[in-house]
C-alpha atoms as a PDB file:
ATOM      1  CA  MET A   1      -0.272  -0.079   0.127  1.00  0.00           C
ATOM      2  CA  THR A   2       2.987   2.210   0.756  1.00  0.00           C
ATOM      3  CA  GLY A   3       2.674   5.426  -2.168  1.00  0.00           C
ATOM      4  CA  GLN A   4      -0.877   4.131  -2.724  1.00  0.00           C
ATOM      5  CA  ARG A   5      -3.715   6.981  -2.155  1.00  0.00           C
ATOM      6  CA  LEU A   6      -6.151   5.569   0.218  1.00  0.00           C
ATOM      7  CA  LEU A   7      -9.542   7.475   0.496  1.00  0.00           C
ATOM      8  CA  THR A   8     -11.589   7.770   3.865  1.00  0.00           C
ATOM      9  CA  THR A   9     -15.426   6.941   4.234  1.00  0.00           C
ATOM     10  CA  ARG A  10     -16.299  10.088   4.041  1.00  0.00           C
ATOM     11  CA  GLU A  11     -14.351  10.987   1.333  1.00  0.00           C
ATOM     12  CA  LEU A  12     -15.728   8.185  -0.912  1.00  0.00           C
ATOM     13  CA  ALA A  13     -19.088   9.246   0.468  1.00  0.00           C
ATOM     14  CA  GLU A  14     -17.991  12.605  -1.399  1.00  0.00           C
ATOM     15  CA  LEU A  15     -16.440  11.411  -4.665  1.00  0.00           C
ATOM     16  CA  LEU A  16     -19.159   9.311  -4.755  1.00  0.00           C
ATOM     17  CA  ARG A  17     -22.001  12.486  -3.494  1.00  0.00           C
ATOM     18  CA  ILE A  18     -23.489   9.240  -1.131  1.00  0.00           C
ATOM     19  CA  ARG A  19     -23.856   9.081   2.164  1.00  0.00           C
ATOM     20  CA  GLU A  20     -22.106   7.516   4.369  1.00  0.00           C
ATOM     21  CA  ARG A  21     -24.303   5.192   5.287  1.00  0.00           C
ATOM     22  CA  LYS A  22     -24.168   3.815   2.041  1.00  0.00           C
ATOM     23  CA  VAL A  23     -20.335   3.367   1.417  1.00  0.00           C
ATOM     24  CA  TYR A  24     -20.577   0.733   4.761  1.00  0.00           C
ATOM     25  CA  ASP A  25     -23.294  -1.340   2.648  1.00  0.00           C
ATOM     26  CA  MET A  26     -21.283  -1.209  -0.721  1.00  0.00           C
ATOM     27  CA  ALA A  27     -18.368  -2.493   1.659  1.00  0.00           C
ATOM     28  CA  ALA A  28     -20.126  -5.128   3.312  1.00  0.00           C
ATOM     29  CA  THR A  29     -21.199  -6.710   0.313  1.00  0.00           C
ATOM     30  CA  GLY A  30     -18.098  -6.382  -1.806  1.00  0.00           C
ATOM     31  CA  GLU A  31     -19.624  -3.826  -4.075  1.00  0.00           C
ATOM     32  CA  VAL A  32     -16.970  -1.499  -3.762  1.00  0.00           C
ATOM     33  CA  PRO A  33     -12.965  -2.258  -3.271  1.00  0.00           C
ATOM     34  CA  CYS A  34     -11.623  -1.590   0.373  1.00  0.00           C
ATOM     35  CA  THR A  35      -9.572  -2.575   2.834  1.00  0.00           C
ATOM     36  CA  ARG A  36      -9.636  -2.426   6.611  1.00  0.00           C
ATOM     37  CA  VAL A  37      -6.705  -1.231   8.268  1.00  0.00           C
ATOM     38  CA  THR A  38      -6.775  -0.921  12.713  1.00  0.00           C
ATOM     39  CA  GLY A  39     -11.095  -1.468  12.460  1.00  0.00           C
ATOM     40  CA  LYS A  40     -10.975   1.156   9.915  1.00  0.00           C
ATOM     41  CA  LEU A  41     -12.560   1.147   6.019  1.00  0.00           C
ATOM     42  CA  LEU A  42     -10.144   2.476   3.604  1.00  0.00           C
ATOM     43  CA  PHE A  43     -10.453   2.623  -0.395  1.00  0.00           C
ATOM     44  CA  PRO A  44      -7.374   2.180  -2.635  1.00  0.00           C
ATOM     45  CA  LEU A  45      -8.115   5.067  -5.053  1.00  0.00           C
ATOM     46  CA  ASP A  46      -6.631   3.380  -8.359  1.00  0.00           C
ATOM     47  CA  ALA A  47      -9.022   0.548  -7.271  1.00  0.00           C
ATOM     48  CA  VAL A  48     -11.757   2.965  -7.093  1.00  0.00           C
ATOM     49  CA  GLU A  49     -11.599   4.597 -10.299  1.00  0.00           C
ATOM     50  CA  ALA A  50     -11.077   1.504 -12.291  1.00  0.00           C
ATOM     51  CA  TRP A  51     -14.340   0.321 -10.437  1.00  0.00           C
ATOM     52  CA  LEU A  52     -16.192   3.017 -11.781  1.00  0.00           C
ATOM     53  CA  ALA A  53     -14.752   2.959 -14.824  1.00  0.00           C
ATOM     54  CA  ALA A  54     -15.519  -0.835 -15.382  1.00  0.00           C
ATOM     55  CA  ASN A  55     -19.292   0.390 -14.132  1.00  0.00           C
ATOM     56  CA  ARG A  56     -19.655   3.273 -16.686  1.00  0.00           C
ATOM     57  CA  SER A  57     -22.208   3.141 -19.254  1.00  0.00           C
ATOM     58  CA  GLY A  58     -23.235   5.171 -22.374  1.00  0.00           C
ATOM     59  CA  PRO A  59     -20.879   5.621 -25.144  1.00  0.00           C
ATOM     60  CA  GLU A  60     -16.830   5.752 -24.820  1.00  0.00           C
ATOM     61  CA  PRO A  61     -15.098   9.351 -24.262  1.00  0.00           C
ATOM     62  CA  ASP A  62     -14.180  11.076 -26.931  1.00  0.00           C
ATOM     63  CA  LEU A  63     -10.315  10.554 -27.465  1.00  0.00           C
ATOM     64  CA  PRO A  64      -7.741  13.157 -28.799  1.00  0.00           C
ATOM     65  CA  ALA A  65      -7.440  12.562 -32.507  1.00  0.00           C
ATOM     66  CA  ARG A  66      -4.417  11.142 -33.604  1.00  0.00           C
ATOM     67  CA  PRO A  67      -2.418  13.299 -35.898  1.00  0.00           C
ATOM     68  CA  PRO A  68      -2.506  12.079 -39.740  1.00  0.00           C
ATOM     69  CA  VAL A  69       0.760  10.664 -39.656  1.00  0.00           C
ATOM     70  CA  PHE A  70       2.151   7.331 -41.072  1.00  0.00           C
ATOM     71  CA  LEU A  71       4.894   5.702 -39.027  1.00  0.00           C
ATOM     72  CA  GLY A  72       6.806   2.779 -38.825  1.00  0.00           C
ATOM     73  CA  SER A  73       9.305   1.282 -41.645  1.00  0.00           C
ATOM     74  CA  HIS A  74      10.498   2.766 -44.627  1.00  0.00           C
ATOM     75  CA  ASP A  75       9.183   1.447 -47.906  1.00  0.00           C
ATOM     76  CA  PRO A  76       9.957   3.155 -51.299  1.00  0.00           C
ATOM     77  CA  LEU A  77       6.216   2.174 -53.247  1.00  0.00           C
ATOM     78  CA  LEU A  78       4.986   3.248 -50.108  1.00  0.00           C
ATOM     79  CA  ASP A  79       6.677   6.551 -49.730  1.00  0.00           C
ATOM     80  CA  TRP A  80       5.803   7.488 -53.288  1.00  0.00           C
ATOM     81  CA  ALA A  81       1.867   6.335 -53.116  1.00  0.00           C
ATOM     82  CA  ILE A  82       1.322   8.424 -49.549  1.00  0.00           C
ATOM     83  CA  ARG A  83       2.802  11.479 -51.555  1.00  0.00           C
ATOM     84  CA  GLU A  84       0.848  10.530 -54.711  1.00  0.00           C
ATOM     85  CA  SER A  85      -2.174   9.866 -53.024  1.00  0.00           C
ATOM     86  CA  GLY A  86      -3.186  13.291 -51.931  1.00  0.00           C
ATOM     87  CA  GLY A  87      -4.496  12.497 -48.770  1.00  0.00           C
ATOM     88  CA  GLU A  88      -2.065  14.904 -46.947  1.00  0.00           C
ATOM     89  CA  LEU A  89      -0.517  12.273 -44.565  1.00  0.00           C
ATOM     90  CA  ALA A  90       3.247  13.158 -43.087  1.00  0.00           C
ATOM     91  CA  THR A  91       5.063  10.199 -42.830  1.00  0.00           C
ATOM     92  CA  ARG A  92       7.830   9.424 -39.462  1.00  0.00           C
ATOM     93  CA  PHE A  93       9.494   6.370 -40.676  1.00  0.00           C
ATOM     94  CA  GLU A  94      11.734   5.404 -37.565  1.00  0.00           C
ATOM     95  CA  GLY A  95      11.825   1.531 -38.005  1.00  0.00           C
ATOM     96  CA  SER A  96       9.151  -1.193 -37.396  1.00  0.00           C
ATOM     97  CA  GLN A  97       9.351  -1.297 -33.581  1.00  0.00           C
ATOM     98  CA  SER A  98       9.462   2.197 -33.042  1.00  0.00           C
ATOM     99  CA  GLY A  99       6.798   2.724 -35.362  1.00  0.00           C
ATOM    100  CA  LEU A 100       4.299   0.107 -33.120  1.00  0.00           C
ATOM    101  CA  ASP A 101       5.820   2.382 -30.116  1.00  0.00           C
ATOM    102  CA  ALA A 102       4.561   5.157 -31.508  1.00  0.00           C
ATOM    103  CA  LEU A 103       1.143   4.468 -32.805  1.00  0.00           C
ATOM    104  CA  ALA A 104       0.452   2.743 -29.144  1.00  0.00           C
ATOM    105  CA  ALA A 105       1.393   6.335 -28.035  1.00  0.00           C
ATOM    106  CA  GLY A 106      -1.106   7.976 -29.951  1.00  0.00           C
ATOM    107  CA  GLU A 107       1.567   9.658 -32.081  1.00  0.00           C
ATOM    108  CA  GLY A 108      -0.249   8.383 -35.764  1.00  0.00           C
ATOM    109  CA  ILE A 109      -2.709   7.020 -37.538  1.00  0.00           C
ATOM    110  CA  ALA A 110      -0.792   3.985 -39.121  1.00  0.00           C
ATOM    111  CA  ALA A 111       2.320   2.308 -39.464  1.00  0.00           C
ATOM    112  CA  GLY A 112       4.671  -0.321 -41.822  1.00  0.00           C
ATOM    113  CA  LEU A 113       6.214  -3.544 -40.286  1.00  0.00           C
ATOM    114  CA  HIS A 114       8.420  -6.361 -41.581  1.00  0.00           C
ATOM    115  CA  LEU A 115       8.904  -7.912 -38.536  1.00  0.00           C
ATOM    116  CA  GLN A 116       9.486 -11.819 -38.596  1.00  0.00           C
ATOM    117  CA  HIS A 117       8.421 -14.281 -35.640  1.00  0.00           C
ATOM    118  CA  HIS A 118      11.325 -16.660 -34.269  1.00  0.00           C
ATOM    119  CA  ASP A 119       9.205 -19.322 -36.180  1.00  0.00           C
ATOM    120  CA  ARG A 120      10.503 -17.532 -39.237  1.00  0.00           C
ATOM    121  CA  GLU A 121       6.863 -18.318 -40.637  1.00  0.00           C
ATOM    122  CA  THR A 122       4.661 -15.529 -39.105  1.00  0.00           C
ATOM    123  CA  TRP A 123       5.241 -12.072 -39.819  1.00  0.00           C
ATOM    124  CA  ASN A 124       4.340  -9.064 -37.601  1.00  0.00           C
ATOM    125  CA  VAL A 125       1.039 -10.265 -36.048  1.00  0.00           C
ATOM    126  CA  PRO A 126       3.124 -11.287 -32.768  1.00  0.00           C
ATOM    127  CA  PHE A 127       4.470  -8.017 -32.123  1.00  0.00           C
ATOM    128  CA  ILE A 128       1.250  -6.136 -32.801  1.00  0.00           C
ATOM    129  CA  GLU A 129      -0.646  -8.334 -29.768  1.00  0.00           C
ATOM    130  CA  ARG A 130       2.203  -7.466 -27.893  1.00  0.00           C
ATOM    131  CA  SER A 131       2.889  -3.678 -28.352  1.00  0.00           C
ATOM    132  CA  LEU A 132      -1.231  -2.760 -29.208  1.00  0.00           C
ATOM    133  CA  ALA A 133      -2.234  -5.477 -26.803  1.00  0.00           C
ATOM    134  CA  GLY A 134      -6.420  -3.784 -26.453  1.00  0.00           C
ATOM    135  CA  LYS A 135      -5.831  -1.358 -29.005  1.00  0.00           C
ATOM    136  CA  PRO A 136      -8.572  -0.923 -31.941  1.00  0.00           C
ATOM    137  CA  VAL A 137      -6.434  -1.982 -34.481  1.00  0.00           C
ATOM    138  CA  VAL A 138      -6.298  -3.650 -38.026  1.00  0.00           C
ATOM    139  CA  LEU A 139      -3.622  -5.035 -40.244  1.00  0.00           C
ATOM    140  CA  VAL A 140      -3.480  -5.380 -43.851  1.00  0.00           C
ATOM    141  CA  GLU A 141      -1.129  -6.440 -46.366  1.00  0.00           C
ATOM    142  CA  PHE A 142       0.884  -4.245 -48.064  1.00  0.00           C
ATOM    143  CA  ALA A 143       3.078  -6.350 -50.238  1.00  0.00           C
ATOM    144  CA  TRP A 144       6.001  -9.149 -50.124  1.00  0.00           C
ATOM    145  CA  ARG A 145       9.288  -7.524 -50.976  1.00  0.00           C
ATOM    146  CA  LYS A 146      12.323  -8.949 -52.482  1.00  0.00           C
ATOM    147  CA  ARG A 147      15.359  -8.406 -49.980  1.00  0.00           C
ATOM    148  CA  GLY A 148      19.141  -8.969 -50.517  1.00  0.00           C
ATOM    149  CA  LEU A 149      22.140  -7.592 -50.470  1.00  0.00           C
ATOM    150  CA  VAL A 150      22.553  -4.559 -52.375  1.00  0.00           C
ATOM    151  CA  VAL A 151      26.041  -4.206 -54.204  1.00  0.00           C
ATOM    152  CA  PRO A 152      27.631  -2.009 -56.647  1.00  0.00           C
ATOM    153  CA  ALA A 153      26.500  -1.992 -60.068  1.00  0.00           C
ATOM    154  CA  GLY A 154      27.805  -4.539 -62.420  1.00  0.00           C
ATOM    155  CA  GLN A 155      28.645  -7.334 -59.273  1.00  0.00           C
ATOM    156  CA  ALA A 156      25.656  -9.308 -59.464  1.00  0.00           C
ATOM    157  CA  ASP A 157      21.990  -9.080 -60.222  1.00  0.00           C
ATOM    158  CA  SER A 158      20.869 -12.849 -60.329  1.00  0.00           C
ATOM    159  CA  ASP A 159      17.416 -14.322 -58.792  1.00  0.00           C
ATOM    160  CA  ASP A 160      19.693 -18.084 -58.413  1.00  0.00           C
ATOM    161  CA  ALA A 161      22.365 -16.468 -56.726  1.00  0.00           C
ATOM    162  CA  GLU A 162      22.383 -18.122 -52.707  1.00  0.00           C
ATOM    163  CA  PRO A 163      24.411 -15.975 -51.109  1.00  0.00           C
ATOM    164  CA  ALA A 164      25.756 -16.778 -47.237  1.00  0.00           C
ATOM    165  CA  PRO A 165      27.242 -14.313 -44.609  1.00  0.00           C
ATOM    166  CA  ALA A 166      30.856 -14.904 -45.324  1.00  0.00           C
ATOM    167  CA  LEU A 167      30.526 -12.853 -48.850  1.00  0.00           C
ATOM    168  CA  LEU A 168      29.933  -9.681 -46.364  1.00  0.00           C
ATOM    169  CA  ALA A 169      33.940 -10.438 -45.192  1.00  0.00           C
ATOM    170  CA  GLY A 170      36.135  -7.821 -45.936  1.00  0.00           C
ATOM    171  CA  LYS A 171      33.125  -5.141 -46.976  1.00  0.00           C
ATOM    172  CA  ILE A 172      32.104  -2.230 -45.145  1.00  0.00           C
ATOM    173  CA  VAL A 173      28.360  -3.007 -44.403  1.00  0.00           C
ATOM    174  CA  ALA A 174      25.507  -0.634 -44.199  1.00  0.00           C
ATOM    175  CA  LEU A 175      23.898  -0.845 -41.084  1.00  0.00           C
ATOM    176  CA  ARG A 176      20.085   0.342 -40.011  1.00  0.00           C
ATOM    177  CA  GLN A 177      18.806   1.760 -36.576  1.00  0.00           C
ATOM    178  CA  PRO A 178      18.255  -0.877 -33.625  1.00  0.00           C
ATOM    179  CA  GLY A 179      15.350  -1.921 -33.289  1.00  0.00           C
ATOM    180  CA  SER A 180      13.973  -1.080 -37.184  1.00  0.00           C
ATOM    181  CA  GLY A 181      12.663  -4.430 -39.231  1.00  0.00           C
ATOM    182  CA  SER A 182      15.730  -4.405 -41.829  1.00  0.00           C
ATOM    183  CA  GLN A 183      18.616  -4.841 -39.115  1.00  0.00           C
ATOM    184  CA  THR A 184      16.711  -7.391 -36.920  1.00  0.00           C
ATOM    185  CA  LEU A 185      16.335  -9.426 -40.261  1.00  0.00           C
ATOM    186  CA  PHE A 186      19.968  -8.678 -41.077  1.00  0.00           C
ATOM    187  CA  GLU A 187      20.785 -10.086 -37.657  1.00  0.00           C
ATOM    188  CA  SER A 188      18.714 -12.882 -37.920  1.00  0.00           C
ATOM    189  CA  TRP A 189      20.294 -13.681 -41.184  1.00  0.00           C
ATOM    190  CA  LEU A 190      24.118 -13.375 -39.831  1.00  0.00           C
ATOM    191  CA  ASN A 191      23.156 -15.546 -37.003  1.00  0.00           C
ATOM    192  CA  ALA A 192      22.565 -18.497 -39.130  1.00  0.00           C
ATOM    193  CA  GLY A 193      25.419 -18.522 -41.010  1.00  0.00           C
ATOM    194  CA  GLY A 194      27.314 -18.249 -37.661  1.00  0.00           C
ATOM    195  CA  VAL A 195      28.261 -14.880 -38.417  1.00  0.00           C
ATOM    196  CA  ASP A 196      29.020 -12.330 -35.609  1.00  0.00           C
ATOM    197  CA  LEU A 197      28.086  -8.281 -36.687  1.00  0.00           C
ATOM    198  CA  ALA A 198      30.617  -7.276 -34.620  1.00  0.00           C
ATOM    199  CA  ASP A 199      33.501  -8.915 -37.036  1.00  0.00           C
ATOM    200  CA  LEU A 200      31.709  -7.054 -40.104  1.00  0.00           C
ATOM    201  CA  GLY A 201      33.677  -3.384 -40.948  1.00  0.00           C
ATOM    202  CA  ALA A 202      30.404  -1.383 -40.633  1.00  0.00           C
ATOM    203  CA  SER A 203      30.039   2.150 -41.954  1.00  0.00           C
ATOM    204  CA  SER A 204      29.888   5.122 -38.907  1.00  0.00           C
ATOM    205  CA  LEU A 205      26.779   6.131 -40.303  1.00  0.00           C
ATOM    206  CA  THR A 206      23.456   4.842 -40.199  1.00  0.00           C
ATOM    207  CA  ALA A 207      20.849   4.231 -42.879  1.00  0.00           C
ATOM    208  CA  ARG A 208      17.661   5.626 -41.834  1.00  0.00           C
ATOM    209  CA  SER A 209      15.561   4.363 -44.828  1.00  0.00           C
ATOM    210  CA  GLU A 210      15.763   1.216 -47.780  1.00  0.00           C
ATOM    211  CA  THR A 211      16.738   4.487 -49.629  1.00  0.00           C
ATOM    212  CA  ASP A 212      19.137   5.611 -47.840  1.00  0.00           C
ATOM    213  CA  ALA A 213      20.906   2.458 -47.421  1.00  0.00           C
ATOM    214  CA  ALA A 214      21.058   1.995 -50.948  1.00  0.00           C
ATOM    215  CA  MET A 215      22.883   5.212 -51.548  1.00  0.00           C
ATOM    216  CA  MET A 216      25.367   4.399 -49.322  1.00  0.00           C
ATOM    217  CA  VAL A 217      26.562   1.888 -51.431  1.00  0.00           C
ATOM    218  CA  LEU A 218      26.080   4.021 -54.886  1.00  0.00           C
ATOM    219  CA  GLU A 219      28.334   6.812 -53.156  1.00  0.00           C
ATOM    220  CA  GLY A 220      31.154   4.536 -51.944  1.00  0.00           C
ATOM    221  CA  ARG A 221      30.594   4.992 -48.288  1.00  0.00           C
ATOM    222  CA  ALA A 222      29.613   1.485 -47.928  1.00  0.00           C
ATOM    223  CA  GLY A 223      30.645  -1.920 -50.054  1.00  0.00           C
ATOM    224  CA  ILE A 224      27.290  -3.627 -49.487  1.00  0.00           C
ATOM    225  CA  ALA A 225      23.896  -2.793 -47.662  1.00  0.00           C
ATOM    226  CA  PHE A 226      21.197  -5.466 -46.743  1.00  0.00           C
ATOM    227  CA  GLY A 227      18.085  -3.644 -48.484  1.00  0.00           C
ATOM    228  CA  LEU A 228      15.331  -3.958 -51.136  1.00  0.00           C
ATOM    229  CA  GLN A 229      15.669  -4.713 -54.800  1.00  0.00           C
ATOM    230  CA  ALA A 230      13.585  -1.958 -55.409  1.00  0.00           C
ATOM    231  CA  ALA A 231      15.979   0.469 -53.910  1.00  0.00           C
ATOM    232  CA  ALA A 232      18.831  -1.325 -55.692  1.00  0.00           C
ATOM    233  CA  ARG A 233      17.131  -0.820 -58.824  1.00  0.00           C
ATOM    234  CA  GLN A 234      15.878   2.802 -58.502  1.00  0.00           C
ATOM    235  CA  MET A 235      19.456   3.396 -58.097  1.00  0.00           C
ATOM    236  CA  LYS A 236      21.049   0.744 -60.793  1.00  0.00           C
ATOM    237  CA  LEU A 237      22.948  -1.044 -58.554  1.00  0.00           C
ATOM    238  CA  GLY A 238      23.577  -4.908 -57.978  1.00  0.00           C
ATOM    239  CA  PHE A 239      21.248  -7.002 -56.225  1.00  0.00           C
ATOM    240  CA  ILE A 240      21.278 -11.084 -54.712  1.00  0.00           C
ATOM    241  CA  PRO A 241      18.510 -12.165 -52.765  1.00  0.00           C
ATOM    242  CA  VAL A 242      18.305 -13.638 -49.623  1.00  0.00           C
ATOM    243  CA  LEU A 243      14.393 -13.618 -48.932  1.00  0.00           C
ATOM    244  CA  SER A 244      10.854 -12.595 -49.406  1.00  0.00           C
ATOM    245  CA  GLU A 245       9.698 -10.587 -46.467  1.00  0.00           C
ATOM    246  CA  ARG A 246       5.941  -9.272 -46.008  1.00  0.00           C
ATOM    247  CA  PHE A 247       5.491  -5.748 -45.242  1.00  0.00           C
ATOM    248  CA  ASP A 248       1.865  -4.767 -43.674  1.00  0.00           C
ATOM    249  CA  LEU A 249       0.241  -1.728 -42.601  1.00  0.00           C
ATOM    250  CA  VAL A 250      -1.276  -1.414 -39.124  1.00  0.00           C
ATOM    251  CA  VAL A 251      -4.053   0.983 -39.091  1.00  0.00           C
ATOM    252  CA  ASP A 252      -5.578   2.619 -36.118  1.00  0.00           C
ATOM    253  CA  ARG A 253      -9.463   1.620 -36.977  1.00  0.00           C
ATOM    254  CA  LYS A 254     -11.202   5.112 -36.663  1.00  0.00           C
ATOM    255  CA  ALA A 255      -8.535   6.544 -38.929  1.00  0.00           C
ATOM    256  CA  TRP A 256      -8.972   3.991 -41.669  1.00  0.00           C
ATOM    257  CA  PHE A 257     -13.070   5.482 -42.267  1.00  0.00           C
ATOM    258  CA  ASP A 258     -11.189   9.290 -42.352  1.00  0.00           C
ATOM    259  CA  PRO A 259     -10.362  10.944 -45.211  1.00  0.00           C
ATOM    260  CA  PRO A 260      -6.662  10.936 -45.581  1.00  0.00           C
ATOM    261  CA  PHE A 261      -6.092   6.896 -45.079  1.00  0.00           C
ATOM    262  CA  GLN A 262      -9.477   6.682 -47.740  1.00  0.00           C
ATOM    263  CA  ALA A 263      -7.385   9.012 -50.170  1.00  0.00           C
ATOM    264  CA  LEU A 264      -4.438   6.157 -50.220  1.00  0.00           C
ATOM    265  CA  LEU A 265      -6.745   3.274 -49.986  1.00  0.00           C
ATOM    266  CA  LYS A 266      -8.157   4.828 -53.106  1.00  0.00           C
ATOM    267  CA  PHE A 267      -4.585   5.185 -54.469  1.00  0.00           C
ATOM    268  CA  LEU A 268      -3.569   1.494 -53.735  1.00  0.00           C
ATOM    269  CA  SER A 269      -6.446   0.239 -55.963  1.00  0.00           C
ATOM    270  CA  SER A 270      -5.178   2.296 -59.075  1.00  0.00           C
ATOM    271  CA  ALA A 271      -3.631   1.353 -62.075  1.00  0.00           C
ATOM    272  CA  THR A 272      -1.390   4.021 -61.473  1.00  0.00           C
ATOM    273  CA  PHE A 273       0.336   2.209 -58.400  1.00  0.00           C
ATOM    274  CA  ARG A 274       0.204  -1.334 -59.372  1.00  0.00           C
ATOM    275  CA  GLU A 275       2.013   0.287 -62.802  1.00  0.00           C
ATOM    276  CA  ARG A 276       4.849   1.633 -60.139  1.00  0.00           C
ATOM    277  CA  ALA A 277       5.060  -1.986 -58.026  1.00  0.00           C
ATOM    278  CA  SER A 278       5.836  -2.818 -61.622  1.00  0.00           C
ATOM    279  CA  ALA A 279       8.247  -0.875 -62.431  1.00  0.00           C
ATOM    280  CA  LEU A 280      10.556  -1.163 -59.353  1.00  0.00           C
ATOM    281  CA  GLY A 281      10.165  -4.766 -59.137  1.00  0.00           C
ATOM    282  CA  GLY A 282      10.851  -6.935 -56.185  1.00  0.00           C
ATOM    283  CA  TYR A 283       7.159  -6.436 -54.840  1.00  0.00           C
ATOM    284  CA  ASP A 284       4.236  -8.717 -55.387  1.00  0.00           C
ATOM    285  CA  ILE A 285       1.034  -6.693 -54.563  1.00  0.00           C
ATOM    286  CA  SER A 286      -1.245  -9.563 -55.201  1.00  0.00           C
ATOM    287  CA  GLY A 287      -2.188 -10.029 -51.524  1.00  0.00           C
ATOM    288  CA  LEU A 288      -2.579  -6.154 -50.834  1.00  0.00           C
ATOM    289  CA  GLY A 289      -4.918  -5.611 -48.754  1.00  0.00           C
ATOM    290  CA  THR A 290      -5.450  -9.244 -47.011  1.00  0.00           C
ATOM    291  CA  VAL A 291      -6.993  -9.063 -43.344  1.00  0.00           C
ATOM    292  CA  HIS A 292      -4.361 -10.803 -41.356  1.00  0.00           C
ATOM    293  CA  TYR A 293      -5.244  -9.304 -37.625  1.00  0.00           C
ATOM    294  CA  ASN A 294      -7.988  -7.648 -36.330  1.00  0.00           C
ATOM    295  CA  ALA A 295      -8.574  -6.512 -32.944  1.00  0.00           C
ATOM    296  CA  PRO A 296     -10.918  -7.564 -30.809  1.00  0.00           C
END
């Protein structure tokens, strides 16, 4: 009970605007949470507030409006679509887990993510159940993306290659921010190949987006990056595929029906969007819009 605010019978009666006699009756029947110390009834304030909330009826109170910001992991195709949709959505791409945390804090309306569960077959859902438990959100598929090694032009561009982490020996690697889906997948791939990240030559700069990672290779600041085929093609770099990943959008259910996100949804169903996805390469959007999680 240390540090916990305790109400007396009189204080609770005043809070509930009832007579003290009624408070005693409610305590006797267990209707209201209470404790007895040296023969005196005391009522923990936090327990009383929870009890009041549980017994509230009528519509839920209005929550503060979420800012029209798209959070989470960066994707070149999504970034482009948000700008072209005309929905006046701002973006703050800081990584998958950071996006989930910011969405839970009400700092945006949606987030992109590509987090693989340790069973290597499940994408994103366990992380939403952990970070957004009880939140009214829905998870829909955006695309399957080809991820692998972005290398200088002419070094590789074959879908048949089967790279091993040992290929990174002696190369300066462009790293992503901790907690990002890209960095998490990269470290998992290294571990599976028996390579320690600490043994690699890493750039002193952190790539904050898929485009930044590819740009570091293009400019010679890194010899290799664990990035997207789409980003490699945009900059006419080489690409060695490693895996296919599912990139999803987790969206606040109320914001789904608001004009900014509806504008994006409309654009995602357009021929212009499909043509762009095909031109970039490395995307499979056949499952676009598939619901993978809907909060109860």
